[in-house]
Amino acid sequence: MRRLNAHLPKARRTLKELLKEDPPSVPTVDGGRIIMKPAELGQLAAALPEEFKERVRLPLVLLRRTELGPGTFTLMGDRAEEFALSRIVKGYTGSYDEFVRTQGKPQLFYKPEVSELMRKFHTLLVIGFGVPEQRE
């Protein structure tokens, strides 16, 4: 599993930090770099409330979870990133506090949603392979 996920980021950085960098990038576990497109960063920043520019860390890592069903992914990150993705791909319109209060379990993202995200934010997302929870 470690080899399969060697392309994942070693460290993630906030959207605000990456907006200031040229070129915006983060290191990967295998020693490479993930370079992000400034236009995609700007598009993401425009879709989020201002305070989330310091809370959302990139790249967003979606883990393929075969034990949850075909084409099912979870987000590796915190509730702020889950809120951001839910706004972008699921059309969530409530506040962050409402999101935290009403969404008890981690959000699941499905292949059509992930495909849409990849089309819009290709350089801001990384797909990894998750381990079934009972084996973690």
N, C-alpha and C. Protein backbone atom coordinates (compact mmCIF):
# COMPACT_ATOMS: atom_id res chain seq x y z
N MET A 1 0.84 -1.19 0.00
CA MET A 1 0.00 0.00 0.00
C MET A 1 0.88 1.26 0.00
N ARG A 2 2.00 1.19 0.71
CA ARG A 2 2.90 2.33 0.77
C ARG A 2 3.41 2.71 -0.62
N ARG A 3 3.76 1.70 -1.43
CA ARG A 3 4.24 1.97 -2.79
C ARG A 3 3.14 2.58 -3.66
N LEU A 4 1.92 2.07 -3.49
CA LEU A 4 0.80 2.59 -4.28
C LEU A 4 0.53 4.07 -3.97
N ASN A 5 0.84 4.49 -2.75
CA ASN A 5 0.55 5.86 -2.33
C ASN A 5 1.79 6.74 -2.27
N ALA A 6 2.88 6.35 -2.92
CA ALA A 6 4.12 7.13 -2.89
C ALA A 6 3.97 8.50 -3.56
N HIS A 7 2.94 8.66 -4.39
CA HIS A 7 2.70 9.94 -5.08
C HIS A 7 1.94 10.94 -4.22
N LEU A 8 1.51 10.54 -3.02
CA LEU A 8 0.76 11.44 -2.15
C LEU A 8 1.67 12.53 -1.58
N PRO A 9 1.09 13.64 -1.16
CA PRO A 9 1.91 14.73 -0.62
C PRO A 9 2.53 14.35 0.72
N LYS A 10 3.77 14.77 0.90
CA LYS A 10 4.46 14.57 2.18
C LYS A 10 3.91 15.58 3.19
N ALA A 11 3.64 16.78 2.71
CA ALA A 11 3.07 17.85 3.53
C ALA A 11 2.11 18.63 2.65
N ARG A 12 1.04 19.11 3.26
CA ARG A 12 0.09 19.92 2.51
C ARG A 12 0.18 21.36 3.01
N ARG A 13 -0.19 22.31 2.16
CA ARG A 13 -0.09 23.72 2.52
C ARG A 13 -1.43 24.40 2.32
N THR A 14 -1.62 25.51 3.03
CA THR A 14 -2.91 26.20 2.93
C THR A 14 -3.08 26.86 1.57
N LEU A 15 -4.33 27.03 1.21
CA LEU A 15 -4.67 27.71 -0.04
C LEU A 15 -4.05 29.10 -0.05
N LYS A 16 -4.11 29.79 1.07
CA LYS A 16 -3.55 31.15 1.17
C LYS A 16 -2.05 31.15 0.86
N GLU A 17 -1.31 30.19 1.42
CA GLU A 17 0.13 30.10 1.17
C GLU A 17 0.41 29.83 -0.31
N LEU A 18 -0.33 28.90 -0.87
CA LEU A 18 -0.10 28.51 -2.26
C LEU A 18 -0.45 29.62 -3.25
N LEU A 19 -1.43 30.46 -2.91
CA LEU A 19 -1.79 31.57 -3.79
C LEU A 19 -0.64 32.56 -3.94
N LYS A 20 0.25 32.62 -2.95
CA LYS A 20 1.38 33.56 -2.97
C LYS A 20 2.62 32.98 -3.64
N GLU A 21 2.65 31.70 -3.88
CA GLU A 21 3.85 31.02 -4.39
C GLU A 21 3.86 30.92 -5.91
N ASP A 22 5.06 30.97 -6.49
CA ASP A 22 5.20 30.82 -7.94
C ASP A 22 6.38 29.92 -8.25
N PRO A 23 6.21 28.74 -8.75
CA PRO A 23 4.94 28.04 -8.93
C PRO A 23 4.48 27.41 -7.62
N PRO A 24 3.18 27.34 -7.40
CA PRO A 24 2.66 26.71 -6.18
C PRO A 24 2.89 25.19 -6.23
N SER A 25 3.52 24.65 -5.19
CA SER A 25 3.81 23.22 -5.18
C SER A 25 3.99 22.70 -3.77
N VAL A 26 3.92 21.37 -3.64
CA VAL A 26 4.19 20.67 -2.38
C VAL A 26 5.02 19.43 -2.69
N PRO A 27 5.84 18.97 -1.72
CA PRO A 27 6.63 17.76 -1.95
C PRO A 27 5.78 16.50 -1.82
N THR A 28 6.20 15.43 -2.51
CA THR A 28 5.52 14.14 -2.40
C THR A 28 6.35 13.19 -1.56
N VAL A 29 5.74 12.11 -1.14
CA VAL A 29 6.41 11.10 -0.32
C VAL A 29 7.62 10.52 -1.05
N ASP A 30 7.51 10.34 -2.38
CA ASP A 30 8.61 9.72 -3.13
C ASP A 30 9.68 10.72 -3.58
N GLY A 31 9.62 11.96 -3.09
CA GLY A 31 10.64 12.94 -3.41
C GLY A 31 10.32 13.85 -4.58
N GLY A 32 9.19 13.67 -5.21
CA GLY A 32 8.78 14.53 -6.33
C GLY A 32 8.08 15.78 -5.82
N ARG A 33 7.42 16.46 -6.74
CA ARG A 33 6.65 17.66 -6.39
C ARG A 33 5.31 17.61 -7.11
N ILE A 34 4.30 18.10 -6.43
CA ILE A 34 3.00 18.30 -7.04
C ILE A 34 2.89 19.79 -7.32
N ILE A 35 2.83 20.14 -8.60
CA ILE A 35 2.74 21.54 -9.00
C ILE A 35 1.30 21.84 -9.35
N MET A 36 0.79 22.93 -8.78
CA MET A 36 -0.62 23.29 -8.96
C MET A 36 -0.75 24.50 -9.88
N LYS A 37 -1.83 24.53 -10.63
CA LYS A 37 -2.09 25.65 -11.54
C LYS A 37 -2.66 26.83 -10.76
N PRO A 38 -2.04 28.01 -10.91
CA PRO A 38 -2.57 29.20 -10.22
C PRO A 38 -4.03 29.49 -10.56
N ALA A 39 -4.44 29.24 -11.79
CA ALA A 39 -5.84 29.49 -12.19
C ALA A 39 -6.80 28.62 -11.38
N GLU A 40 -6.43 27.36 -11.15
CA GLU A 40 -7.28 26.47 -10.37
C GLU A 40 -7.33 26.92 -8.90
N LEU A 41 -6.18 27.37 -8.38
CA LEU A 41 -6.15 27.89 -7.01
C LEU A 41 -7.08 29.10 -6.88
N GLY A 42 -7.03 29.98 -7.86
CA GLY A 42 -7.89 31.16 -7.86
C GLY A 42 -9.36 30.80 -7.94
N GLN A 43 -9.67 29.81 -8.76
CA GLN A 43 -11.06 29.37 -8.91
C GLN A 43 -11.56 28.77 -7.59
N LEU A 44 -10.73 27.98 -6.93
CA LEU A 44 -11.11 27.41 -5.64
C LEU A 44 -11.30 28.51 -4.60
N ALA A 45 -10.36 29.45 -4.56
CA ALA A 45 -10.44 30.55 -3.60
C ALA A 45 -11.73 31.35 -3.79
N ALA A 46 -12.13 31.56 -5.03
CA ALA A 46 -13.35 32.32 -5.32
C ALA A 46 -14.61 31.59 -4.87
N ALA A 47 -14.54 30.26 -4.79
CA ALA A 47 -15.71 29.45 -4.43
C ALA A 47 -15.89 29.29 -2.92
N LEU A 48 -14.89 29.76 -2.14
CA LEU A 48 -14.93 29.54 -0.70
C LEU A 48 -15.02 30.85 0.08
N PRO A 49 -15.64 30.80 1.27
CA PRO A 49 -15.61 31.98 2.14
C PRO A 49 -14.15 32.32 2.49
N GLU A 50 -13.88 33.58 2.72
CA GLU A 50 -12.52 34.08 2.95
C GLU A 50 -11.76 33.31 4.04
N GLU A 51 -12.42 33.02 5.16
CA GLU A 51 -11.72 32.35 6.27
C GLU A 51 -11.22 30.95 5.93
N PHE A 52 -11.75 30.36 4.87
CA PHE A 52 -11.34 29.01 4.51
C PHE A 52 -10.04 28.97 3.71
N LYS A 53 -9.58 30.11 3.26
CA LYS A 53 -8.30 30.15 2.55
C LYS A 53 -7.14 29.77 3.47
N GLU A 54 -7.33 30.00 4.77
CA GLU A 54 -6.30 29.61 5.75
C GLU A 54 -6.56 28.24 6.35
N ARG A 55 -7.71 27.67 6.10
CA ARG A 55 -8.06 26.38 6.71
C ARG A 55 -7.94 25.20 5.76
N VAL A 56 -8.18 25.45 4.48
CA VAL A 56 -8.14 24.37 3.49
C VAL A 56 -6.69 24.13 3.08
N ARG A 57 -6.25 22.88 3.26
CA ARG A 57 -4.89 22.49 2.89
C ARG A 57 -4.93 21.70 1.59
N LEU A 58 -3.95 21.98 0.75
CA LEU A 58 -3.89 21.35 -0.57
C LEU A 58 -2.59 20.60 -0.75
N PRO A 59 -2.56 19.62 -1.63
CA PRO A 59 -3.69 19.18 -2.44
C PRO A 59 -4.71 18.41 -1.60
N LEU A 60 -5.92 18.40 -2.08
CA LEU A 60 -6.96 17.60 -1.44
C LEU A 60 -6.69 16.14 -1.81
N VAL A 61 -6.73 15.27 -0.82
CA VAL A 61 -6.44 13.85 -1.05
C VAL A 61 -7.72 13.05 -0.88
N LEU A 62 -8.16 12.44 -1.97
CA LEU A 62 -9.33 11.57 -1.95
C LEU A 62 -8.84 10.13 -1.95
N LEU A 63 -9.31 9.36 -0.98
CA LEU A 63 -8.90 7.96 -0.85
C LEU A 63 -9.97 7.05 -1.41
N ARG A 64 -9.58 6.19 -2.32
CA ARG A 64 -10.48 5.17 -2.90
C ARG A 64 -10.73 4.12 -1.84
N ARG A 65 -11.99 3.89 -1.49
CA ARG A 65 -12.33 2.96 -0.42
C ARG A 65 -13.20 1.84 -0.97
N THR A 66 -12.58 0.77 -1.42
CA THR A 66 -13.31 -0.32 -2.06
C THR A 66 -14.29 -1.01 -1.11
N GLU A 67 -13.98 -1.02 0.19
CA GLU A 67 -14.87 -1.70 1.14
C GLU A 67 -16.19 -0.95 1.32
N LEU A 68 -16.26 0.31 0.87
CA LEU A 68 -17.48 1.10 0.98
C LEU A 68 -18.35 1.02 -0.26
N GLY A 69 -17.86 0.31 -1.27
CA GLY A 69 -18.62 0.14 -2.51
C GLY A 69 -17.84 0.65 -3.70
N PRO A 70 -18.27 0.25 -4.89
CA PRO A 70 -17.54 0.66 -6.09
C PRO A 70 -17.61 2.18 -6.29
N GLY A 71 -16.48 2.76 -6.64
CA GLY A 71 -16.44 4.19 -6.93
C GLY A 71 -16.68 5.09 -5.74
N THR A 72 -16.31 4.64 -4.54
CA THR A 72 -16.53 5.42 -3.33
C THR A 72 -15.19 5.94 -2.80
N PHE A 73 -15.19 7.22 -2.41
CA PHE A 73 -13.98 7.88 -1.92
C PHE A 73 -14.29 8.61 -0.62
N THR A 74 -13.27 8.72 0.23
CA THR A 74 -13.36 9.58 1.40
C THR A 74 -12.26 10.63 1.28
N LEU A 75 -12.43 11.71 1.99
CA LEU A 75 -11.45 12.78 1.96
C LEU A 75 -10.49 12.63 3.13
N MET A 76 -9.20 12.67 2.83
CA MET A 76 -8.20 12.69 3.90
C MET A 76 -8.01 14.16 4.26
N GLY A 77 -8.51 14.55 5.39
CA GLY A 77 -8.43 15.95 5.80
C GLY A 77 -9.38 16.22 6.93
N ASP A 78 -9.60 17.49 7.20
CA ASP A 78 -10.47 17.83 8.32
C ASP A 78 -11.84 18.29 7.84
N ARG A 79 -12.67 18.70 8.76
CA ARG A 79 -14.05 19.09 8.44
C ARG A 79 -14.11 20.32 7.54
N ALA A 80 -13.14 21.23 7.67
CA ALA A 80 -13.13 22.42 6.82
C ALA A 80 -12.95 22.03 5.35
N GLU A 81 -12.09 21.08 5.09
CA GLU A 81 -11.88 20.62 3.71
C GLU A 81 -13.09 19.85 3.20
N GLU A 82 -13.70 19.09 4.08
CA GLU A 82 -14.92 18.36 3.72
C GLU A 82 -16.05 19.35 3.39
N PHE A 83 -16.15 20.41 4.18
CA PHE A 83 -17.13 21.47 3.94
C PHE A 83 -16.87 22.12 2.58
N ALA A 84 -15.61 22.42 2.29
CA ALA A 84 -15.25 23.05 1.02
C ALA A 84 -15.65 22.17 -0.16
N LEU A 85 -15.32 20.88 -0.09
CA LEU A 85 -15.67 19.97 -1.18
C LEU A 85 -17.18 19.81 -1.31
N SER A 86 -17.88 19.77 -0.19
CA SER A 86 -19.34 19.64 -0.23
C SER A 86 -19.98 20.86 -0.88
N ARG A 87 -19.42 22.03 -0.66
CA ARG A 87 -19.93 23.25 -1.31
C ARG A 87 -19.70 23.18 -2.81
N ILE A 88 -18.51 22.74 -3.21
CA ILE A 88 -18.14 22.75 -4.61
C ILE A 88 -18.86 21.68 -5.41
N VAL A 89 -18.86 20.45 -4.90
CA VAL A 89 -19.37 19.34 -5.71
C VAL A 89 -20.80 18.93 -5.37
N LYS A 90 -21.22 19.14 -4.13
CA LYS A 90 -22.56 18.71 -3.75
C LYS A 90 -23.53 19.87 -3.64
N GLY A 91 -23.03 21.09 -3.84
CA GLY A 91 -23.90 22.26 -3.80
C GLY A 91 -24.39 22.64 -2.41
N TYR A 92 -23.65 22.25 -1.37
CA TYR A 92 -24.05 22.59 0.00
C TYR A 92 -24.05 24.10 0.16
N THR A 93 -25.15 24.67 0.71
CA THR A 93 -25.26 26.12 0.81
C THR A 93 -25.31 26.64 2.24
N GLY A 94 -25.33 25.73 3.21
CA GLY A 94 -25.40 26.17 4.60
C GLY A 94 -24.07 26.69 5.11
N SER A 95 -24.07 27.11 6.36
CA SER A 95 -22.84 27.62 6.99
C SER A 95 -21.97 26.44 7.46
N TYR A 96 -20.75 26.76 7.80
CA TYR A 96 -19.83 25.74 8.30
C TYR A 96 -20.37 25.14 9.61
N ASP A 97 -20.88 25.99 10.50
CA ASP A 97 -21.41 25.50 11.78
C ASP A 97 -22.58 24.54 11.55
N GLU A 98 -23.46 24.85 10.60
CA GLU A 98 -24.57 23.95 10.27
C GLU A 98 -24.04 22.63 9.72
N PHE A 99 -23.03 22.72 8.88
CA PHE A 99 -22.43 21.53 8.28
C PHE A 99 -21.90 20.60 9.37
N VAL A 100 -21.13 21.15 10.29
CA VAL A 100 -20.54 20.35 11.38
C VAL A 100 -21.64 19.75 12.25
N ARG A 101 -22.69 20.53 12.51
CA ARG A 101 -23.78 20.06 13.38
C ARG A 101 -24.61 18.97 12.71
N THR A 102 -24.84 19.06 11.40
CA THR A 102 -25.75 18.13 10.73
C THR A 102 -25.05 16.94 10.07
N GLN A 103 -23.78 17.05 9.79
CA GLN A 103 -23.05 15.97 9.11
C GLN A 103 -22.22 15.19 10.12
N GLY A 104 -22.80 14.17 10.72
CA GLY A 104 -22.12 13.41 11.75
C GLY A 104 -20.97 12.57 11.23
N LYS A 105 -21.21 11.83 10.18
CA LYS A 105 -20.19 10.93 9.64
C LYS A 105 -19.37 11.66 8.58
N PRO A 106 -18.16 11.17 8.32
CA PRO A 106 -17.40 11.74 7.21
C PRO A 106 -18.17 11.58 5.89
N GLN A 107 -18.08 12.59 5.05
CA GLN A 107 -18.76 12.58 3.77
C GLN A 107 -18.15 11.54 2.84
N LEU A 108 -19.00 10.90 2.06
CA LEU A 108 -18.53 10.01 1.01
C LEU A 108 -18.68 10.74 -0.31
N PHE A 109 -17.72 10.54 -1.17
CA PHE A 109 -17.75 11.14 -2.50
C PHE A 109 -17.74 9.99 -3.50
N TYR A 110 -18.54 10.12 -4.54
CA TYR A 110 -18.69 9.04 -5.50
C TYR A 110 -18.05 9.41 -6.83
N LYS A 111 -17.80 8.39 -7.64
CA LYS A 111 -17.04 8.56 -8.87
C LYS A 111 -17.52 9.72 -9.75
N PRO A 112 -18.82 9.91 -9.97
CA PRO A 112 -19.23 11.06 -10.79
C PRO A 112 -18.81 12.41 -10.18
N GLU A 113 -18.89 12.51 -8.85
CA GLU A 113 -18.47 13.74 -8.17
C GLU A 113 -16.96 13.94 -8.28
N VAL A 114 -16.23 12.86 -8.10
CA VAL A 114 -14.77 12.93 -8.19
C VAL A 114 -14.35 13.27 -9.62
N SER A 115 -15.05 12.72 -10.60
CA SER A 115 -14.76 13.05 -12.00
C SER A 115 -14.97 14.54 -12.26
N GLU A 116 -16.05 15.09 -11.72
CA GLU A 116 -16.32 16.52 -11.87
C GLU A 116 -15.22 17.35 -11.20
N LEU A 117 -14.83 16.94 -10.00
CA LEU A 117 -13.75 17.64 -9.30
C LEU A 117 -12.45 17.59 -10.08
N MET A 118 -12.13 16.43 -10.63
CA MET A 118 -10.89 16.28 -11.41
C MET A 118 -10.93 17.16 -12.66
N ARG A 119 -12.08 17.30 -13.24
CA ARG A 119 -12.20 18.14 -14.43
C ARG A 119 -11.97 19.61 -14.08
N LYS A 120 -12.49 20.06 -12.94
CA LYS A 120 -12.37 21.46 -12.53
C LYS A 120 -11.03 21.78 -11.87
N PHE A 121 -10.54 20.86 -11.04
CA PHE A 121 -9.38 21.13 -10.19
C PHE A 121 -8.34 20.01 -10.28
N HIS A 122 -7.99 19.65 -11.49
CA HIS A 122 -7.10 18.51 -11.72
C HIS A 122 -5.79 18.58 -10.92
N THR A 123 -5.17 19.74 -10.86
CA THR A 123 -3.87 19.84 -10.18
C THR A 123 -3.99 20.01 -8.68
N LEU A 124 -5.21 20.19 -8.17
CA LEU A 124 -5.40 20.40 -6.73
C LEU A 124 -5.83 19.13 -6.00
N LEU A 125 -6.02 18.05 -6.74
CA LEU A 125 -6.50 16.79 -6.16
C LEU A 125 -5.50 15.67 -6.40
N VAL A 126 -5.45 14.77 -5.44
CA VAL A 126 -4.64 13.57 -5.59
C VAL A 126 -5.52 12.40 -5.14
N ILE A 127 -5.49 11.32 -5.91
CA ILE A 127 -6.25 10.12 -5.56
C ILE A 127 -5.29 9.11 -4.94
N GLY A 128 -5.65 8.62 -3.76
CA GLY A 128 -4.87 7.59 -3.09
C GLY A 128 -5.72 6.35 -2.88
N PHE A 129 -5.13 5.35 -2.31
CA PHE A 129 -5.82 4.10 -2.05
C PHE A 129 -5.91 3.90 -0.56
N GLY A 130 -7.16 3.79 -0.06
CA GLY A 130 -7.39 3.65 1.37
C GLY A 130 -7.35 2.20 1.80
N VAL A 131 -7.10 2.03 3.08
CA VAL A 131 -7.08 0.70 3.71
C VAL A 131 -8.40 0.53 4.43
N PRO A 132 -9.03 -0.63 4.32
CA PRO A 132 -10.28 -0.84 5.06
C PRO A 132 -10.09 -0.49 6.54
N GLU A 133 -11.11 0.16 7.13
CA GLU A 133 -10.99 0.68 8.49
C GLU A 133 -10.62 -0.37 9.52
N GLN A 134 -11.11 -1.60 9.38
CA GLN A 134 -10.78 -2.63 10.37
C GLN A 134 -9.31 -3.03 10.29
N ARG A 135 -8.61 -2.68 9.21
CA ARG A 135 -7.19 -3.03 9.07
C ARG A 135 -6.26 -1.87 9.37
N GLU A 136 -6.81 -0.65 9.64
CA GLU A 136 -5.99 0.52 9.87
C GLU A 136 -5.27 0.47 11.20
